[in-house]
Protein backbone atom coordinates (compact mmCIF):
# COMPACT_ATOMS: atom_id res chain seq x y z
CA UNK A 1 -10.14 6.68 11.14
CA UNK A 2 -9.78 2.77 11.88
CA UNK A 3 -9.81 2.05 15.46
CA UNK A 4 -6.96 1.34 17.42
CA UNK A 5 -5.85 -2.11 18.81
CA UNK A 6 -6.95 -2.64 22.92
CA UNK A 7 -3.88 -1.63 24.29
CA UNK A 8 -0.03 0.36 24.17
CA UNK A 9 2.69 -1.10 24.50
CA UNK A 10 4.17 -0.21 27.97
CA UNK A 11 6.37 2.66 27.79
CA UNK A 12 4.93 4.60 24.44
CA UNK A 13 2.99 6.91 26.22
CA UNK A 14 2.73 8.11 29.73
CA UNK A 15 -0.80 9.12 29.51
CA UNK A 16 -1.23 10.88 32.91
CA UNK A 17 1.79 13.01 31.84
CA UNK A 18 -0.10 13.30 28.85
CA UNK A 19 -3.36 13.89 29.66
CA UNK A 20 -2.28 16.57 32.21
CA UNK A 21 -0.38 17.86 29.13
CA UNK A 22 -3.88 18.36 27.24
CA UNK A 23 -5.78 19.76 29.93
CA UNK A 24 -3.44 22.31 30.80
CA UNK A 25 -4.08 23.67 26.69
CA UNK A 26 -7.23 23.81 27.38
CA UNK A 27 -8.21 20.06 25.74
CA UNK A 28 -11.65 19.19 27.37
CA UNK A 29 -10.69 15.59 28.36
CA UNK A 30 -13.73 14.62 29.93
CA UNK A 31 -13.18 11.32 31.86
CA UNK A 32 -9.51 9.12 32.01
CA UNK A 33 -7.93 9.11 28.90
CA UNK A 34 -7.49 5.91 27.03
CA UNK A 35 -5.05 5.68 24.46
CA UNK A 36 -4.89 2.15 21.32
CA UNK A 37 -2.73 2.23 18.64
CA UNK A 38 -3.91 2.43 15.10
CA UNK A 39 -2.29 -0.21 13.13
CA UNK A 40 -1.56 0.15 9.34
CA UNK A 41 1.57 3.07 8.50
CA UNK A 42 4.86 2.62 8.18
CA UNK A 43 6.42 5.85 9.42
CA UNK A 44 4.95 7.69 12.20
CA UNK A 45 3.37 6.38 15.23
CA UNK A 46 -0.20 7.28 15.20
CA UNK A 47 -2.41 6.67 18.46
CA UNK A 48 -6.05 6.84 19.47
CA UNK A 49 -7.48 8.63 21.97
CA UNK A 50 -10.29 8.36 23.76
CA UNK A 51 -11.48 10.13 27.27
CA UNK A 52 -15.10 8.27 27.07
CA UNK A 53 -16.96 10.95 25.06
CA UNK A 54 -14.25 12.49 23.00
CA UNK A 55 -11.89 10.56 20.47
CA UNK A 56 -8.58 12.61 19.03
CA UNK A 57 -5.46 10.73 17.26
CA UNK A 58 -1.62 11.43 18.55
CA UNK A 59 0.85 11.42 16.01
CA UNK A 60 4.66 11.34 16.95
CA UNK A 61 8.01 10.39 15.38
CA UNK A 62 8.95 7.02 15.95
CA UNK A 63 11.89 6.16 18.57
CA UNK A 64 14.55 5.04 15.95
CA UNK A 65 15.75 5.06 12.66
CA UNK A 66 14.66 8.58 11.85
CA UNK A 67 15.35 9.42 8.27
CA UNK A 68 15.88 13.51 8.39
CA UNK A 69 13.35 15.78 6.80
CA UNK A 70 10.76 12.73 7.44
CA UNK A 71 8.52 12.12 9.76
CA UNK A 72 7.71 15.96 10.41
CA UNK A 73 4.49 16.12 12.30
CA UNK A 74 4.75 19.79 13.00
CA UNK A 75 4.83 20.01 9.09
CA UNK A 76 2.05 18.36 8.68
CA UNK A 77 -0.48 20.25 11.31
CA UNK A 78 1.08 22.82 10.01
CA UNK A 79 -0.73 22.49 6.86
CA UNK A 80 -3.87 20.56 8.19
CA UNK A 81 -4.05 24.01 10.01
CA UNK A 82 -3.97 26.08 7.11
CA UNK A 83 -6.84 23.68 4.74
CA UNK A 84 -9.26 23.60 7.68
CA UNK A 85 -11.49 26.07 6.27
CA UNK A 86 -11.38 24.91 2.88
CA UNK A 87 -13.80 22.43 1.29
CA UNK A 88 -10.60 19.67 1.42
CA UNK A 89 -11.38 17.02 3.58
CA UNK A 90 -8.77 17.39 6.42
CA UNK A 91 -8.94 16.20 10.31
CA UNK A 92 -9.70 19.13 12.46
CA UNK A 93 -6.70 20.20 14.13
CA UNK A 94 -6.37 20.61 18.01
CA UNK A 95 -2.52 21.17 19.04
CA UNK A 96 1.08 20.66 18.21
CA UNK A 97 3.68 20.28 21.11
CA UNK A 98 7.04 20.73 19.98
CA UNK A 99 8.24 19.87 23.56
CA UNK A 100 9.93 16.59 23.64
CA UNK A 101 9.66 16.08 27.14
CA UNK A 102 6.19 15.66 27.33
CA UNK A 103 6.10 12.06 25.85
CA UNK A 104 9.59 11.84 24.64
CA UNK A 105 9.03 13.00 20.78
CA UNK A 106 7.37 16.50 19.09
CA UNK A 107 3.42 15.33 18.49
CA UNK A 108 0.36 16.31 17.61
CA UNK A 109 -3.06 16.22 18.17
CA UNK A 110 -6.27 16.00 15.40
CA UNK A 111 -9.83 15.17 15.67
CA UNK A 112 -10.65 11.82 14.90
CA UNK A 113 -12.43 11.60 11.48
CA UNK A 114 -14.48 8.54 10.97
CA UNK A 115 -14.16 6.69 7.55
CA UNK A 116 -12.65 3.55 5.91
CA UNK A 117 -9.13 2.71 5.37
CA UNK A 118 -8.83 1.10 2.37
CA UNK A 119 -5.19 -0.94 2.45
CA UNK A 120 -5.44 -4.68 1.98
CA UNK A 121 -7.08 -6.31 -1.43
CA UNK A 122 -9.18 -7.70 1.13
CA UNK A 123 -10.51 -4.42 2.25
CA UNK A 124 -11.30 -3.67 -1.30
CA UNK A 125 -13.05 -6.53 -1.71
CA UNK A 126 -15.81 -5.51 0.24
CA UNK A 127 -16.50 -2.69 -2.31
CA UNK A 128 -18.49 -2.83 -5.42
CA UNK A 129 -16.79 -2.47 -8.85
CA UNK A 130 -19.23 0.56 -9.04
CA UNK A 131 -17.91 2.03 -5.87
CA UNK A 132 -14.31 1.10 -6.57
CA UNK A 133 -14.65 3.48 -9.70
CA UNK A 134 -16.52 6.39 -7.75
CA UNK A 135 -13.78 6.03 -5.08
CA UNK A 136 -11.40 6.32 -7.84
CA UNK A 137 -12.65 9.88 -9.15
CA UNK A 138 -13.35 11.01 -5.78
CA UNK A 139 -9.47 10.55 -5.29
CA UNK A 140 -8.91 12.99 -8.47
CA UNK A 141 -11.69 15.44 -7.79
CA UNK A 142 -9.60 16.13 -4.13
CA UNK A 143 -6.17 15.71 -5.53
CA UNK A 144 -7.31 18.49 -8.38
CA UNK A 145 -9.36 20.37 -5.56
CA UNK A 146 -5.79 20.34 -3.65
CA UNK A 147 -3.84 21.52 -6.26
CA UNK A 148 -6.10 24.45 -7.07
CA UNK A 149 -5.94 26.05 -3.47
CA UNK A 150 -4.36 29.66 -3.84
CA UNK A 151 -1.09 28.36 -0.84
CA UNK A 152 -0.48 32.06 -0.58
CA UNK A 153 -3.53 33.01 0.19
CA UNK A 154 -3.93 30.05 2.61
CA UNK A 155 -0.16 31.69 4.27
CA UNK A 156 1.51 28.59 3.22
CA UNK A 157 3.42 31.05 0.53
CA UNK A 158 6.60 30.08 2.76
CA UNK A 159 5.89 26.33 2.81
CA UNK A 160 7.99 25.17 -0.04
CA UNK A 161 10.23 26.39 -2.73
CA UNK A 162 8.43 25.66 -5.83
CA UNK A 163 11.39 26.69 -8.15
CA UNK A 164 13.46 23.83 -8.65
CA UNK A 165 11.54 21.80 -6.99
CA UNK A 166 11.90 18.60 -8.87
CA UNK A 167 15.62 19.06 -9.31
CA UNK A 168 15.81 19.06 -5.71
CA UNK A 169 13.41 16.07 -5.11
CA UNK A 170 15.99 14.23 -7.22
CA UNK A 171 18.77 15.36 -4.84
CA UNK A 172 16.90 14.72 -1.43
CA UNK A 173 15.86 10.98 -2.46
CA UNK A 174 19.38 10.11 -3.27
CA UNK A 175 20.49 11.58 0.03
CA UNK A 176 17.75 9.67 1.70
CA UNK A 177 18.98 7.03 0.67
CA UNK A 178 22.33 7.26 1.68
CA UNK A 179 20.91 7.56 5.35
CA UNK A 180 18.38 4.55 4.94
CA UNK A 181 20.59 2.24 3.19
CA UNK A 182 20.78 -1.48 3.99
CA UNK A 183 22.65 -2.65 1.17
CA UNK A 184 24.28 -1.32 -1.94
CA UNK A 185 21.92 -1.51 -5.21
CA UNK A 186 23.71 0.36 -8.35
CA UNK A 187 19.94 0.62 -9.55
CA UNK A 188 20.17 3.20 -7.34
CA UNK A 189 22.77 5.58 -8.88
CA UNK A 190 21.49 4.38 -12.23
CA UNK A 191 18.19 5.67 -11.34
CA UNK A 192 19.55 9.10 -9.82
CA UNK A 193 22.13 9.62 -12.58
CA UNK A 194 19.46 9.18 -15.02
CA UNK A 195 16.98 11.93 -13.44
CA UNK A 196 19.92 14.47 -13.07
CA UNK A 197 20.62 13.93 -17.11
CA UNK A 198 16.82 14.23 -17.55
CA UNK A 199 14.59 15.67 -14.95
CA UNK A 200 10.48 15.81 -15.14
CA UNK A 201 10.04 19.26 -16.99
CA UNK A 202 7.75 20.99 -13.81
CA UNK A 203 4.55 21.49 -14.46
CA UNK A 204 3.15 24.11 -12.61
CA UNK A 205 3.39 25.11 -8.47
CA UNK A 206 0.89 24.29 -6.09
CA UNK A 207 0.30 22.43 -2.29
CA UNK A 208 1.61 19.42 -3.19
CA UNK A 209 0.27 16.14 -0.54
CA UNK A 210 3.99 14.06 -0.95
CA UNK A 211 2.72 10.16 -0.44
CA UNK A 212 -1.37 10.48 -2.00
CA UNK A 213 -2.42 7.38 -2.49
CA UNK A 214 -5.81 5.58 -1.23
CA UNK A 215 -4.87 4.12 1.79
CA UNK A 216 -3.89 8.34 3.07
CA UNK A 217 -7.59 8.64 2.28
CA UNK A 218 -10.75 7.96 4.85
CA UNK A 219 -13.68 6.64 2.87
CA UNK A 220 -16.91 6.49 3.06
CA UNK A 221 -17.77 3.41 1.78
CA UNK A 222 -21.59 4.24 1.54
CA UNK A 223 -20.88 6.64 -0.98
CA UNK A 224 -17.39 6.64 -2.51
CA UNK A 225 -16.69 10.25 -0.42
CA UNK A 226 -13.23 11.22 1.08
CA UNK A 227 -14.25 12.04 4.97
CA UNK A 228 -10.37 13.19 5.43
CA UNK A 229 -7.11 13.13 3.40
CA UNK A 230 -4.42 12.03 6.43
CA UNK A 231 -0.61 11.98 6.52
CA UNK A 232 0.41 14.96 5.57
CA UNK A 233 4.20 15.08 6.63
CA UNK A 234 6.06 15.11 3.65
CA UNK A 235 3.54 17.98 2.28
CA UNK A 236 5.58 21.35 0.35
CA UNK A 237 4.64 23.98 -2.57
CA UNK A 238 5.78 21.77 -5.54
CA UNK A 239 4.84 20.36 -9.00
CA UNK A 240 1.37 18.87 -8.13
CA UNK A 241 2.35 15.86 -11.03
CA UNK A 242 4.23 14.79 -8.87
CA UNK A 243 1.27 13.58 -6.13
CA UNK A 244 -0.34 11.71 -9.53
CA UNK A 245 2.86 10.05 -10.32
CA UNK A 246 3.09 9.09 -6.75
CA UNK A 247 -0.46 7.80 -6.37
CA UNK A 248 0.13 6.13 -9.38
CA UNK A 249 3.85 4.30 -8.28
CA UNK A 250 1.86 2.82 -5.49
CA UNK A 251 0.08 0.79 -8.32
CA UNK A 252 3.12 -1.11 -8.33
CA UNK A 253 2.72 -4.85 -7.72
CA UNK A 254 5.89 -5.20 -5.57
CA UNK A 255 3.99 -2.31 -2.94
CA UNK A 256 2.50 -5.60 -1.44
CA UNK A 257 5.64 -6.41 0.36
CA UNK A 258 5.50 -2.89 1.91
CA UNK A 259 1.92 -3.99 3.06
CA UNK A 260 2.68 -7.02 3.91
CA UNK A 261 -0.01 -8.78 1.60
CA UNK A 262 -2.01 -7.78 -1.44
CA UNK A 263 -2.92 -4.01 -1.39
CA UNK A 264 -5.43 -2.48 -2.02
CA UNK A 265 -3.65 0.44 -4.45
CA UNK A 266 -2.28 -2.97 -6.42
CA UNK A 267 -5.77 -4.27 -7.56
CA UNK A 268 -6.05 -4.50 -11.25
CA UNK A 269 -9.84 -2.59 -10.31
CA UNK A 270 -8.29 0.61 -10.96
CA UNK A 271 -7.76 1.96 -13.98
CA UNK A 272 -4.00 1.97 -15.16
CA UNK A 273 -1.11 4.59 -14.37
CA UNK A 274 -1.65 6.13 -17.77
CA UNK A 275 -4.94 6.22 -17.79
CA UNK A 276 -5.38 7.54 -14.40
CA UNK A 277 -2.74 10.02 -15.16
CA UNK A 278 -4.86 10.97 -18.25
CA UNK A 279 -8.51 11.37 -16.05
CA UNK A 280 -6.16 13.91 -13.94
CA UNK A 281 -4.60 15.92 -16.94
CA UNK A 282 -8.42 16.28 -18.33
CA UNK A 283 -9.61 17.09 -14.90
CA UNK A 284 -7.42 19.40 -14.47
CA UNK A 285 -6.63 21.05 -18.00
CA UNK A 286 -2.53 19.99 -17.85
CA UNK A 287 -0.68 18.48 -20.03
CA UNK A 288 1.80 15.30 -19.63
CA UNK A 289 4.65 16.40 -20.76
CA UNK A 290 7.89 13.82 -19.53
CA UNK A 291 5.56 11.78 -17.49
CA UNK A 292 7.73 8.99 -17.64
CA UNK A 293 10.41 10.98 -15.63
CA UNK A 294 7.54 11.98 -13.33
CA UNK A 295 7.05 8.16 -12.88
CA UNK A 296 10.90 7.18 -12.99
CA UNK A 297 11.05 9.72 -9.91
CA UNK A 298 8.31 8.06 -8.03
CA UNK A 299 9.47 5.16 -7.85
CA UNK A 300 13.03 6.12 -6.53
CA UNK A 301 11.23 7.80 -3.83
CA UNK A 302 9.01 4.74 -3.26
CA UNK A 303 12.08 2.78 -3.33
CA UNK A 304 13.95 4.55 -0.85
CA UNK A 305 10.79 5.01 1.66
CA UNK A 306 10.50 0.95 1.11
CA UNK A 307 14.56 0.89 2.17
CA UNK A 308 13.60 3.59 4.99
CA UNK A 309 11.15 0.95 6.61
CA UNK A 310 13.18 -2.54 6.33
CA UNK A 311 16.04 0.51 7.92
CA UNK A 312 13.65 0.75 10.67
CA UNK A 313 12.49 -2.75 11.07
CA UNK A 314 16.14 -3.84 11.42
CA UNK A 315 17.13 -1.74 14.54
CA UNK A 316 13.58 -3.26 16.19
CA UNK A 317 11.42 -0.24 15.11
CA UNK A 318 8.47 -1.29 13.66
CA UNK A 319 6.72 -4.72 13.66
CA UNK A 320 3.65 -6.89 12.16
CA UNK A 321 2.89 -7.34 8.59
CA UNK A 322 5.09 -5.28 6.12
CA UNK A 323 7.98 -4.50 7.83
CA UNK A 324 9.89 -7.55 7.80
CA UNK A 325 9.29 -8.25 3.72
CA UNK A 326 9.95 -4.13 2.49
CA UNK A 327 13.01 -4.43 1.55
CA UNK A 328 11.82 -6.88 -1.14
CA UNK A 329 10.17 -4.09 -3.33
CA UNK A 330 12.80 -2.08 -3.46
CA UNK A 331 14.73 -3.35 -6.53
CA UNK A 332 11.79 -3.92 -8.57
CA UNK A 333 10.77 -0.02 -7.61
CA UNK A 334 14.35 0.58 -9.37
CA UNK A 335 13.94 -1.36 -12.08
CA UNK A 336 11.09 -0.09 -12.94
CA UNK A 337 11.59 3.62 -12.46
CA UNK A 338 14.17 2.72 -15.07
CA UNK A 339 12.25 1.28 -17.67
CA UNK A 340 10.02 4.45 -16.83
CA UNK A 341 13.19 6.62 -18.36
CA UNK A 342 13.78 4.66 -20.82
CA UNK A 343 10.23 4.65 -22.45
CA UNK A 344 10.43 8.36 -21.83
CA UNK A 345 14.05 8.95 -23.66
CA UNK A 346 15.86 9.20 -20.59
CA UNK A 347 19.55 7.45 -21.10
CA UNK A 348 20.28 5.10 -18.17
């Protein structure tokens, strides 16, 4: 995981209180605890903790602008804990604290995972075309592995409700828009109504990551292998094709506005969305019925996520590249969602 910047802004973490709490929970703190911000995320706040011998990562929700059902660090801690003994690469879970009084919000601590984050086009430029191809296939491999895991046997049978999942997703993201909207956009309701009339057909049920993309993976750039899949806050039990569609939605050029510069995921060096979907289908042995409608739902979801980032920026939560420009992505994503619906036979 990327190293943090040198300083935690005053008031964000009381390190003395945090260190005392961690020691009380049996975490082996060897020296004075230091913390730095891990930049790049647009949702939960992420910190690197270091005692001179050990390194951990702390995650907590933002202080304001929180969207219902999002930012759920406890949810991601539960699913990562369930995946510890599987072949899926995830960080080592350490502890979850649900007591807001410790640092002002619930938080989780996991082990620090080595690896590179490929978030920007500049970071991707250092990678050869051959290695980009290897990373693509590694993403498909890990996604297929995740979707094949027996969630009942992992204690996740109550982690989500697979029946009617895609229909609930349509309703969820329309409600989320009402919580984060900074303006009126008619295409939100146009796309929502089109999806209600003609929803994705729902393929099967599995653990879904919920926000699968290249910069939510830590990559060993010498081999192309994934060292850890992170940011599990939207994980659930649902339709695995929604993960594939989200991976493809992040290739939309407007995602550059969310990153604040040309994004790694929007590079033309990756296979096209249709090629990615076909690679996944060939790997897993599934068909792609209603694929355009899956893409339409993914673009609605990403549009609401981008609007949520803009909403947090407007109330002073979040700074740096992408926060001030994320709102520009929203109309373009909605328009693409409508085009995917029309191409798949859905009326808009």
